[in-house]
């Protein structure tokens, strides 16, 4: 009998990507956090919504929990529906949070006491000081967490460095945000801007540290590459903290009081977007070069 299927050429099945698309998760989570921050700024400073001060701590606590809740839904939860989920993501986030609370914060705030002497220094001294204190402590701790919990056994593709680096960054930033929520009495817009800055910085630096471990696993770099990525992440921290503080606190001759916090938010957005675009290019370029090498060997 006549079979109409014989007239239809067989269609090649579309290849199924077995891993979660980590860049998509990073963009969604950070984008929602940025929108919430800008929305609160507009409500308080433009629309002049009056929020009773007794709700400040409650709102700040909710804002501190928002990044980790977004990460749990868009990253950790989404891993369960793909063919090859990444293991120990939650462990990396939790251990990073515990390390931040037990080692990072006490070392920076109680032992080094950077807030007592660094803000009074010159601009260059602040950058150097924050780099070799806050930056080195925080990024080295993230490196240790990833190095001794999931590397190299849990690294199967290069983008695992993004997934685990983001987990470490979100875990660390969440602890800093919770400390800020319960140790200050900041207005909701100020709290949102400060916490978004923490999330943006630690997300970027965590992925940068993850890049060093990823390339050490799949590339052929110098064994010093993780040292360089940790150092560069520390430098990024050292640069961003005093510059953002200067933008938020400095008196601007041409602007109103509204200009100062919005400049801090814009700077945080830049700290998030520019390094992430650079890291995305670096990951893609490394993967492309690896594919070209494999293709060259097959010829």
C-alpha atoms as a PDB file:
ATOM      1  CA  UNK A   1       0.000   0.000   0.000  1.00  0.00           C
ATOM      2  CA  UNK A   2       0.988   3.609  -0.492  1.00  0.00           C
ATOM      3  CA  UNK A   3       2.674   5.046   2.571  1.00  0.00           C
ATOM      4  CA  UNK A   4       2.740   8.887   2.685  1.00  0.00           C
ATOM      5  CA  UNK A   5       5.659   8.779   5.116  1.00  0.00           C
ATOM      6  CA  UNK A   6       7.931   7.601   2.311  1.00  0.00           C
ATOM      7  CA  UNK A   7       7.539  11.014   0.682  1.00  0.00           C
ATOM      8  CA  UNK A   8       8.676  12.793   3.812  1.00  0.00           C
ATOM      9  CA  UNK A   9      12.442  12.750   4.436  1.00  0.00           C
ATOM     10  CA  UNK A  10      13.402  11.644   7.924  1.00  0.00           C
ATOM     11  CA  UNK A  11      14.034  14.580  10.227  1.00  0.00           C
ATOM     12  CA  UNK A  12      17.121  14.553  12.383  1.00  0.00           C
ATOM     13  CA  UNK A  13      16.238  14.753  16.046  1.00  0.00           C
ATOM     14  CA  UNK A  14      17.356  17.930  17.770  1.00  0.00           C
ATOM     15  CA  UNK A  15      20.229  17.360  20.132  1.00  0.00           C
ATOM     16  CA  UNK A  16      19.141  17.698  23.747  1.00  0.00           C
ATOM     17  CA  UNK A  17      21.438  19.759  25.962  1.00  0.00           C
ATOM     18  CA  UNK A  18      21.730  17.657  29.132  1.00  0.00           C
ATOM     19  CA  UNK A  19      22.865  20.396  31.526  1.00  0.00           C
ATOM     20  CA  UNK A  20      21.129  23.421  33.019  1.00  0.00           C
ATOM     21  CA  UNK A  21      21.874  26.641  31.129  1.00  0.00           C
ATOM     22  CA  UNK A  22      23.716  28.453  33.890  1.00  0.00           C
ATOM     23  CA  UNK A  23      24.040  31.859  32.212  1.00  0.00           C
ATOM     24  CA  UNK A  24      20.267  32.031  31.828  1.00  0.00           C
ATOM     25  CA  UNK A  25      19.814  31.399  35.559  1.00  0.00           C
ATOM     26  CA  UNK A  26      22.416  34.025  36.479  1.00  0.00           C
ATOM     27  CA  UNK A  27      20.760  36.650  34.273  1.00  0.00           C
ATOM     28  CA  UNK A  28      17.252  35.952  35.618  1.00  0.00           C
ATOM     29  CA  UNK A  29      18.273  35.955  39.285  1.00  0.00           C
ATOM     30  CA  UNK A  30      20.420  39.076  39.140  1.00  0.00           C
ATOM     31  CA  UNK A  31      17.870  40.794  36.887  1.00  0.00           C
ATOM     32  CA  UNK A  32      15.044  40.265  39.375  1.00  0.00           C
ATOM     33  CA  UNK A  33      17.232  41.524  42.211  1.00  0.00           C
ATOM     34  CA  UNK A  34      18.115  44.611  40.184  1.00  0.00           C
ATOM     35  CA  UNK A  35      14.481  45.323  39.324  1.00  0.00           C
ATOM     36  CA  UNK A  36      13.459  45.052  42.994  1.00  0.00           C
ATOM     37  CA  UNK A  37      16.254  47.453  43.963  1.00  0.00           C
ATOM     38  CA  UNK A  38      15.272  50.040  41.352  1.00  0.00           C
ATOM     39  CA  UNK A  39      11.579  49.656  42.204  1.00  0.00           C
ATOM     40  CA  UNK A  40      12.209  50.374  45.875  1.00  0.00           C
ATOM     41  CA  UNK A  41      14.355  53.360  44.959  1.00  0.00           C
ATOM     42  CA  UNK A  42      11.561  54.792  42.781  1.00  0.00           C
ATOM     43  CA  UNK A  43       8.882  54.139  45.409  1.00  0.00           C
ATOM     44  CA  UNK A  44      10.832  55.863  48.175  1.00  0.00           C
ATOM     45  CA  UNK A  45      12.652  58.657  46.332  1.00  0.00           C
ATOM     46  CA  UNK A  46      10.424  59.487  43.368  1.00  0.00           C
ATOM     47  CA  UNK A  47       6.894  58.561  44.404  1.00  0.00           C
ATOM     48  CA  UNK A  48       7.753  59.363  48.049  1.00  0.00           C
ATOM     49  CA  UNK A  49       6.007  56.338  49.487  1.00  0.00           C
ATOM     50  CA  UNK A  50       6.102  56.555  53.273  1.00  0.00           C
ATOM     51  CA  UNK A  51       7.159  53.218  54.755  1.00  0.00           C
ATOM     52  CA  UNK A  52       6.892  53.080  58.560  1.00  0.00           C
ATOM     53  CA  UNK A  53      10.325  52.736  60.157  1.00  0.00           C
ATOM     54  CA  UNK A  54       9.191  49.828  62.301  1.00  0.00           C
ATOM     55  CA  UNK A  55       9.103  47.718  59.115  1.00  0.00           C
ATOM     56  CA  UNK A  56      12.683  48.527  58.102  1.00  0.00           C
ATOM     57  CA  UNK A  57      14.281  45.456  59.671  1.00  0.00           C
ATOM     58  CA  UNK A  58      11.562  43.124  58.391  1.00  0.00           C
ATOM     59  CA  UNK A  59      11.897  44.449  54.828  1.00  0.00           C
ATOM     60  CA  UNK A  60      15.688  44.315  55.025  1.00  0.00           C
ATOM     61  CA  UNK A  61      15.568  40.699  56.205  1.00  0.00           C
ATOM     62  CA  UNK A  62      13.277  39.832  53.309  1.00  0.00           C
ATOM     63  CA  UNK A  63      15.620  41.535  50.862  1.00  0.00           C
ATOM     64  CA  UNK A  64      18.569  39.641  52.360  1.00  0.00           C
ATOM     65  CA  UNK A  65      16.773  36.336  51.788  1.00  0.00           C
ATOM     66  CA  UNK A  66      15.648  37.198  48.250  1.00  0.00           C
ATOM     67  CA  UNK A  67      18.914  36.309  46.413  1.00  0.00           C
ATOM     68  CA  UNK A  68      19.186  32.874  47.997  1.00  0.00           C
ATOM     69  CA  UNK A  69      15.487  32.183  47.368  1.00  0.00           C
ATOM     70  CA  UNK A  70      15.874  33.165  43.723  1.00  0.00           C
ATOM     71  CA  UNK A  71      18.950  30.958  43.447  1.00  0.00           C
ATOM     72  CA  UNK A  72      17.141  28.010  45.048  1.00  0.00           C
ATOM     73  CA  UNK A  73      14.317  28.278  42.514  1.00  0.00           C
ATOM     74  CA  UNK A  74      16.092  29.215  39.287  1.00  0.00           C
ATOM     75  CA  UNK A  75      19.351  27.309  39.853  1.00  0.00           C
ATOM     76  CA  UNK A  76      19.185  24.538  42.420  1.00  0.00           C
ATOM     77  CA  UNK A  77      15.572  23.535  41.725  1.00  0.00           C
ATOM     78  CA  UNK A  78      16.073  23.637  37.951  1.00  0.00           C
ATOM     79  CA  UNK A  79      18.953  21.174  38.209  1.00  0.00           C
ATOM     80  CA  UNK A  80      16.462  18.473  39.150  1.00  0.00           C
ATOM     81  CA  UNK A  81      14.656  18.600  35.796  1.00  0.00           C
ATOM     82  CA  UNK A  82      17.664  18.248  33.477  1.00  0.00           C
ATOM     83  CA  UNK A  83      19.178  14.990  32.277  1.00  0.00           C
ATOM     84  CA  UNK A  84      22.523  15.454  34.007  1.00  0.00           C
ATOM     85  CA  UNK A  85      22.107  17.659  37.092  1.00  0.00           C
ATOM     86  CA  UNK A  86      25.060  19.107  38.917  1.00  0.00           C
ATOM     87  CA  UNK A  87      25.650  17.642  42.358  1.00  0.00           C
ATOM     88  CA  UNK A  88      26.610  19.459  45.595  1.00  0.00           C
ATOM     89  CA  UNK A  89      25.481  22.907  44.463  1.00  0.00           C
ATOM     90  CA  UNK A  90      23.528  23.399  47.669  1.00  0.00           C
ATOM     91  CA  UNK A  91      26.486  22.150  49.697  1.00  0.00           C
ATOM     92  CA  UNK A  92      28.753  24.769  48.100  1.00  0.00           C
ATOM     93  CA  UNK A  93      26.264  27.559  48.863  1.00  0.00           C
ATOM     94  CA  UNK A  94      25.739  26.433  52.463  1.00  0.00           C
ATOM     95  CA  UNK A  95      29.426  25.898  53.200  1.00  0.00           C
ATOM     96  CA  UNK A  96      30.270  29.295  51.693  1.00  0.00           C
ATOM     97  CA  UNK A  97      27.661  30.878  53.946  1.00  0.00           C
ATOM     98  CA  UNK A  98      28.986  29.064  57.020  1.00  0.00           C
ATOM     99  CA  UNK A  99      32.584  29.990  56.201  1.00  0.00           C
ATOM    100  CA  UNK A 100      31.579  33.630  55.684  1.00  0.00           C
ATOM    101  CA  UNK A 101      29.835  33.709  59.041  1.00  0.00           C
ATOM    102  CA  UNK A 102      32.402  31.745  61.038  1.00  0.00           C
ATOM    103  CA  UNK A 103      35.664  32.967  59.463  1.00  0.00           C
ATOM    104  CA  UNK A 104      35.236  35.758  56.924  1.00  0.00           C
ATOM    105  CA  UNK A 105      33.156  38.227  58.916  1.00  0.00           C
ATOM    106  CA  UNK A 106      35.016  37.819  62.245  1.00  0.00           C
ATOM    107  CA  UNK A 107      38.385  38.071  60.502  1.00  0.00           C
ATOM    108  CA  UNK A 108      37.465  41.238  58.577  1.00  0.00           C
ATOM    109  CA  UNK A 109      35.328  43.026  61.162  1.00  0.00           C
ATOM    110  CA  UNK A 110      36.797  41.931  64.500  1.00  0.00           C
ATOM    111  CA  UNK A 111      40.443  41.174  63.770  1.00  0.00           C
ATOM    112  CA  UNK A 112      41.362  43.429  60.835  1.00  0.00           C
ATOM    113  CA  UNK A 113      38.686  46.032  61.730  1.00  0.00           C
ATOM    114  CA  UNK A 114      38.874  47.600  58.277  1.00  0.00           C
ATOM    115  CA  UNK A 115      35.958  49.977  58.901  1.00  0.00           C
ATOM    116  CA  UNK A 116      37.965  51.769  61.583  1.00  0.00           C
ATOM    117  CA  UNK A 117      40.969  52.758  59.509  1.00  0.00           C
ATOM    118  CA  UNK A 118      40.427  52.191  55.785  1.00  0.00           C
ATOM    119  CA  UNK A 119      37.601  54.739  55.169  1.00  0.00           C
ATOM    120  CA  UNK A 120      39.896  57.532  56.409  1.00  0.00           C
ATOM    121  CA  UNK A 121      42.722  56.678  54.005  1.00  0.00           C
ATOM    122  CA  UNK A 122      43.413  58.145  50.571  1.00  0.00           C
ATOM    123  CA  UNK A 123      41.702  56.718  47.482  1.00  0.00           C
ATOM    124  CA  UNK A 124      44.681  54.611  46.371  1.00  0.00           C
ATOM    125  CA  UNK A 125      45.292  53.430  49.926  1.00  0.00           C
ATOM    126  CA  UNK A 126      41.659  52.353  50.223  1.00  0.00           C
ATOM    127  CA  UNK A 127      41.821  50.342  47.007  1.00  0.00           C
ATOM    128  CA  UNK A 128      45.047  48.635  48.073  1.00  0.00           C
ATOM    129  CA  UNK A 129      43.802  48.161  51.621  1.00  0.00           C
ATOM    130  CA  UNK A 130      40.445  46.638  50.642  1.00  0.00           C
ATOM    131  CA  UNK A 131      42.180  44.409  48.090  1.00  0.00           C
ATOM    132  CA  UNK A 132      44.638  42.931  50.588  1.00  0.00           C
ATOM    133  CA  UNK A 133      42.122  42.630  53.419  1.00  0.00           C
ATOM    134  CA  UNK A 134      38.480  42.174  52.415  1.00  0.00           C
ATOM    135  CA  UNK A 135      39.252  41.030  48.868  1.00  0.00           C
ATOM    136  CA  UNK A 136      41.894  38.435  49.695  1.00  0.00           C
ATOM    137  CA  UNK A 137      39.953  37.019  52.653  1.00  0.00           C
ATOM    138  CA  UNK A 138      36.638  36.669  50.830  1.00  0.00           C
ATOM    139  CA  UNK A 139      37.945  35.326  47.525  1.00  0.00           C
ATOM    140  CA  UNK A 140      40.431  32.936  49.101  1.00  0.00           C
ATOM    141  CA  UNK A 141      37.647  31.500  51.253  1.00  0.00           C
ATOM    142  CA  UNK A 142      35.452  30.971  48.180  1.00  0.00           C
ATOM    143  CA  UNK A 143      38.366  29.297  46.440  1.00  0.00           C
ATOM    144  CA  UNK A 144      38.953  26.965  49.379  1.00  0.00           C
ATOM    145  CA  UNK A 145      35.276  26.005  49.508  1.00  0.00           C
ATOM    146  CA  UNK A 146      35.153  25.089  45.817  1.00  0.00           C
ATOM    147  CA  UNK A 147      38.615  23.553  45.736  1.00  0.00           C
ATOM    148  CA  UNK A 148      38.004  21.136  48.584  1.00  0.00           C
ATOM    149  CA  UNK A 149      34.310  20.296  48.118  1.00  0.00           C
ATOM    150  CA  UNK A 150      33.668  19.835  44.402  1.00  0.00           C
ATOM    151  CA  UNK A 151      36.925  20.181  42.416  1.00  0.00           C
ATOM    152  CA  UNK A 152      37.824  18.246  40.343  1.00  0.00           C
ATOM    153  CA  UNK A 153      35.295  15.422  40.706  1.00  0.00           C
ATOM    154  CA  UNK A 154      32.160  17.524  40.088  1.00  0.00           C
ATOM    155  CA  UNK A 155      33.589  19.463  37.139  1.00  0.00           C
ATOM    156  CA  UNK A 156      32.321  17.796  33.941  1.00  0.00           C
ATOM    157  CA  UNK A 157      32.146  20.798  31.579  1.00  0.00           C
ATOM    158  CA  UNK A 158      33.635  24.281  31.676  1.00  0.00           C
ATOM    159  CA  UNK A 159      30.366  25.954  32.633  1.00  0.00           C
ATOM    160  CA  UNK A 160      30.387  24.053  35.909  1.00  0.00           C
ATOM    161  CA  UNK A 161      32.759  26.802  37.020  1.00  0.00           C
ATOM    162  CA  UNK A 162      29.917  29.296  36.503  1.00  0.00           C
ATOM    163  CA  UNK A 163      27.389  27.163  38.385  1.00  0.00           C
ATOM    164  CA  UNK A 164      29.556  26.457  41.413  1.00  0.00           C
ATOM    165  CA  UNK A 165      31.086  29.949  41.441  1.00  0.00           C
ATOM    166  CA  UNK A 166      27.616  31.496  41.468  1.00  0.00           C
ATOM    167  CA  UNK A 167      26.567  29.180  44.301  1.00  0.00           C
ATOM    168  CA  UNK A 168      29.593  30.189  46.374  1.00  0.00           C
ATOM    169  CA  UNK A 169      29.006  33.880  45.654  1.00  0.00           C
ATOM    170  CA  UNK A 170      25.306  33.794  46.535  1.00  0.00           C
ATOM    171  CA  UNK A 171      25.986  31.887  49.746  1.00  0.00           C
ATOM    172  CA  UNK A 172      28.657  34.339  50.843  1.00  0.00           C
ATOM    173  CA  UNK A 173      26.663  37.445  49.890  1.00  0.00           C
ATOM    174  CA  UNK A 174      23.555  36.202  51.700  1.00  0.00           C
ATOM    175  CA  UNK A 175      25.408  36.088  55.023  1.00  0.00           C
ATOM    176  CA  UNK A 176      26.735  39.630  54.531  1.00  0.00           C
ATOM    177  CA  UNK A 177      23.231  40.815  53.693  1.00  0.00           C
ATOM    178  CA  UNK A 178      21.690  39.170  56.747  1.00  0.00           C
ATOM    179  CA  UNK A 179      24.329  40.774  58.983  1.00  0.00           C
ATOM    180  CA  UNK A 180      23.533  44.137  57.407  1.00  0.00           C
ATOM    181  CA  UNK A 181      19.781  43.637  57.851  1.00  0.00           C
ATOM    182  CA  UNK A 182      20.006  42.928  61.580  1.00  0.00           C
ATOM    183  CA  UNK A 183      22.894  45.228  62.501  1.00  0.00           C
ATOM    184  CA  UNK A 184      21.618  48.421  60.882  1.00  0.00           C
ATOM    185  CA  UNK A 185      18.303  50.217  60.696  1.00  0.00           C
ATOM    186  CA  UNK A 186      18.572  51.266  57.057  1.00  0.00           C
ATOM    187  CA  UNK A 187      15.614  52.419  54.989  1.00  0.00           C
ATOM    188  CA  UNK A 188      14.325  49.855  52.459  1.00  0.00           C
ATOM    189  CA  UNK A 189      15.811  51.609  49.415  1.00  0.00           C
ATOM    190  CA  UNK A 190      19.225  51.933  51.089  1.00  0.00           C
ATOM    191  CA  UNK A 191      19.143  48.305  52.228  1.00  0.00           C
ATOM    192  CA  UNK A 192      18.136  47.095  48.753  1.00  0.00           C
ATOM    193  CA  UNK A 193      20.943  49.058  47.072  1.00  0.00           C
ATOM    194  CA  UNK A 194      23.539  47.795  49.563  1.00  0.00           C
ATOM    195  CA  UNK A 195      22.430  44.179  49.229  1.00  0.00           C
ATOM    196  CA  UNK A 196      22.279  44.327  45.453  1.00  0.00           C
ATOM    197  CA  UNK A 197      25.842  45.637  45.475  1.00  0.00           C
ATOM    198  CA  UNK A 198      26.911  42.664  47.631  1.00  0.00           C
ATOM    199  CA  UNK A 199      25.165  40.160  45.383  1.00  0.00           C
ATOM    200  CA  UNK A 200      26.562  41.688  42.184  1.00  0.00           C
ATOM    201  CA  UNK A 201      30.131  41.734  43.484  1.00  0.00           C
ATOM    202  CA  UNK A 202      30.152  38.254  45.010  1.00  0.00           C
ATOM    203  CA  UNK A 203      28.368  36.710  42.043  1.00  0.00           C
ATOM    204  CA  UNK A 204      30.986  38.081  39.653  1.00  0.00           C
ATOM    205  CA  UNK A 205      33.987  37.244  41.828  1.00  0.00           C
ATOM    206  CA  UNK A 206      32.651  33.753  42.585  1.00  0.00           C
ATOM    207  CA  UNK A 207      32.277  32.993  38.871  1.00  0.00           C
ATOM    208  CA  UNK A 208      35.762  34.421  38.253  1.00  0.00           C
ATOM    209  CA  UNK A 209      37.276  32.102  40.861  1.00  0.00           C
ATOM    210  CA  UNK A 210      35.264  29.251  39.330  1.00  0.00           C
ATOM    211  CA  UNK A 211      36.762  30.102  35.935  1.00  0.00           C
ATOM    212  CA  UNK A 212      40.258  29.511  37.282  1.00  0.00           C
ATOM    213  CA  UNK A 213      39.315  26.072  38.599  1.00  0.00           C
ATOM    214  CA  UNK A 214      37.440  25.217  35.412  1.00  0.00           C
ATOM    215  CA  UNK A 215      40.394  26.050  33.181  1.00  0.00           C
ATOM    216  CA  UNK A 216      42.742  24.169  35.476  1.00  0.00           C
ATOM    217  CA  UNK A 217      40.533  21.134  34.900  1.00  0.00           C
ATOM    218  CA  UNK A 218      39.814  21.365  31.159  1.00  0.00           C
ATOM    219  CA  UNK A 219      42.456  23.649  29.716  1.00  0.00           C
ATOM    220  CA  UNK A 220      46.217  23.556  29.783  1.00  0.00           C
ATOM    221  CA  UNK A 221      47.049  26.717  31.705  1.00  0.00           C
ATOM    222  CA  UNK A 222      49.700  27.462  34.246  1.00  0.00           C
ATOM    223  CA  UNK A 223      49.072  25.975  37.673  1.00  0.00           C
ATOM    224  CA  UNK A 224      49.138  29.585  38.874  1.00  0.00           C
ATOM    225  CA  UNK A 225      45.903  30.469  37.033  1.00  0.00           C
ATOM    226  CA  UNK A 226      43.677  29.960  40.129  1.00  0.00           C
ATOM    227  CA  UNK A 227      46.051  32.247  42.036  1.00  0.00           C
ATOM    228  CA  UNK A 228      45.668  34.913  39.356  1.00  0.00           C
ATOM    229  CA  UNK A 229      41.870  34.639  39.298  1.00  0.00           C
ATOM    230  CA  UNK A 230      41.668  34.879  43.093  1.00  0.00           C
ATOM    231  CA  UNK A 231      44.000  37.888  43.015  1.00  0.00           C
ATOM    232  CA  UNK A 232      42.004  39.593  40.266  1.00  0.00           C
ATOM    233  CA  UNK A 233      38.738  38.909  42.124  1.00  0.00           C
ATOM    234  CA  UNK A 234      40.303  40.461  45.238  1.00  0.00           C
ATOM    235  CA  UNK A 235      41.387  43.495  43.205  1.00  0.00           C
ATOM    236  CA  UNK A 236      37.869  43.874  41.809  1.00  0.00           C
ATOM    237  CA  UNK A 237      36.588  43.861  45.381  1.00  0.00           C
ATOM    238  CA  UNK A 238      39.207  46.391  46.436  1.00  0.00           C
ATOM    239  CA  UNK A 239      38.228  48.729  43.607  1.00  0.00           C
ATOM    240  CA  UNK A 240      34.451  48.421  43.887  1.00  0.00           C
ATOM    241  CA  UNK A 241      34.012  48.984  47.633  1.00  0.00           C
ATOM    242  CA  UNK A 242      35.617  52.455  47.915  1.00  0.00           C
ATOM    243  CA  UNK A 243      34.321  53.678  44.543  1.00  0.00           C
ATOM    244  CA  UNK A 244      30.731  52.741  45.324  1.00  0.00           C
ATOM    245  CA  UNK A 245      31.031  54.263  48.806  1.00  0.00           C
ATOM    246  CA  UNK A 246      32.376  57.463  47.263  1.00  0.00           C
ATOM    247  CA  UNK A 247      29.521  57.640  44.752  1.00  0.00           C
ATOM    248  CA  UNK A 248      26.886  57.097  47.420  1.00  0.00           C
ATOM    249  CA  UNK A 249      28.319  59.368  50.130  1.00  0.00           C
ATOM    250  CA  UNK A 250      30.063  62.184  48.262  1.00  0.00           C
ATOM    251  CA  UNK A 251      28.367  65.553  47.886  1.00  0.00           C
ATOM    252  CA  UNK A 252      27.578  66.223  44.260  1.00  0.00           C
ATOM    253  CA  UNK A 253      27.486  69.856  43.252  1.00  0.00           C
ATOM    254  CA  UNK A 254      25.232  69.276  40.258  1.00  0.00           C
ATOM    255  CA  UNK A 255      22.757  66.846  41.733  1.00  0.00           C
ATOM    256  CA  UNK A 256      20.221  66.421  44.466  1.00  0.00           C
ATOM    257  CA  UNK A 257      20.331  63.882  47.254  1.00  0.00           C
ATOM    258  CA  UNK A 258      18.537  61.463  44.938  1.00  0.00           C
ATOM    259  CA  UNK A 259      21.530  61.415  42.581  1.00  0.00           C
ATOM    260  CA  UNK A 260      23.854  59.803  45.084  1.00  0.00           C
ATOM    261  CA  UNK A 261      22.050  56.478  45.707  1.00  0.00           C
ATOM    262  CA  UNK A 262      21.125  56.054  42.044  1.00  0.00           C
ATOM    263  CA  UNK A 263      24.792  56.428  41.096  1.00  0.00           C
ATOM    264  CA  UNK A 264      25.596  53.627  43.535  1.00  0.00           C
ATOM    265  CA  UNK A 265      22.963  51.417  41.912  1.00  0.00           C
ATOM    266  CA  UNK A 266      24.249  52.226  38.424  1.00  0.00           C
ATOM    267  CA  UNK A 267      27.783  51.370  39.525  1.00  0.00           C
ATOM    268  CA  UNK A 268      26.587  48.029  40.953  1.00  0.00           C
ATOM    269  CA  UNK A 269      24.843  47.250  37.667  1.00  0.00           C
ATOM    270  CA  UNK A 270      28.075  48.008  35.810  1.00  0.00           C
ATOM    271  CA  UNK A 271      30.097  45.827  38.206  1.00  0.00           C
ATOM    272  CA  UNK A 272      27.629  43.034  37.457  1.00  0.00           C
ATOM    273  CA  UNK A 273      27.231  43.358  33.687  1.00  0.00           C
ATOM    274  CA  UNK A 274      30.717  44.244  32.432  1.00  0.00           C
ATOM    275  CA  UNK A 275      32.659  41.446  34.174  1.00  0.00           C
ATOM    276  CA  UNK A 276      29.921  38.896  33.392  1.00  0.00           C
ATOM    277  CA  UNK A 277      30.108  39.758  29.696  1.00  0.00           C
ATOM    278  CA  UNK A 278      33.889  39.409  29.834  1.00  0.00           C
ATOM    279  CA  UNK A 279      33.627  36.085  31.673  1.00  0.00           C
ATOM    280  CA  UNK A 280      31.036  34.800  29.205  1.00  0.00           C
ATOM    281  CA  UNK A 281      33.425  35.611  26.365  1.00  0.00           C
ATOM    282  CA  UNK A 282      36.314  33.918  28.183  1.00  0.00           C
ATOM    283  CA  UNK A 283      34.317  30.737  28.800  1.00  0.00           C
ATOM    284  CA  UNK A 284      33.016  30.666  25.207  1.00  0.00           C
ATOM    285  CA  UNK A 285      36.451  31.342  23.755  1.00  0.00           C
ATOM    286  CA  UNK A 286      38.055  28.577  25.828  1.00  0.00           C
ATOM    287  CA  UNK A 287      35.338  26.121  24.734  1.00  0.00           C
ATOM    288  CA  UNK A 288      35.714  27.117  21.081  1.00  0.00           C
ATOM    289  CA  UNK A 289      39.467  26.632  21.201  1.00  0.00           C
ATOM    290  CA  UNK A 290      39.005  23.202  22.784  1.00  0.00           C
ATOM    291  CA  UNK A 291      36.586  22.191  20.029  1.00  0.00           C
ATOM    292  CA  UNK A 292      38.989  23.393  17.342  1.00  0.00           C
ATOM    293  CA  UNK A 293      41.792  21.320  18.865  1.00  0.00           C
ATOM    294  CA  UNK A 294      39.572  18.218  18.902  1.00  0.00           C
ATOM    295  CA  UNK A 295      38.480  18.856  15.310  1.00  0.00           C
ATOM    296  CA  UNK A 296      42.105  19.320  14.244  1.00  0.00           C
ATOM    297  CA  UNK A 297      43.092  15.998  15.771  1.00  0.00           C
ATOM    298  CA  UNK A 298      40.253  14.265  13.951  1.00  0.00           C
ATOM    299  CA  UNK A 299      41.365  15.420  10.506  1.00  0.00           C
END
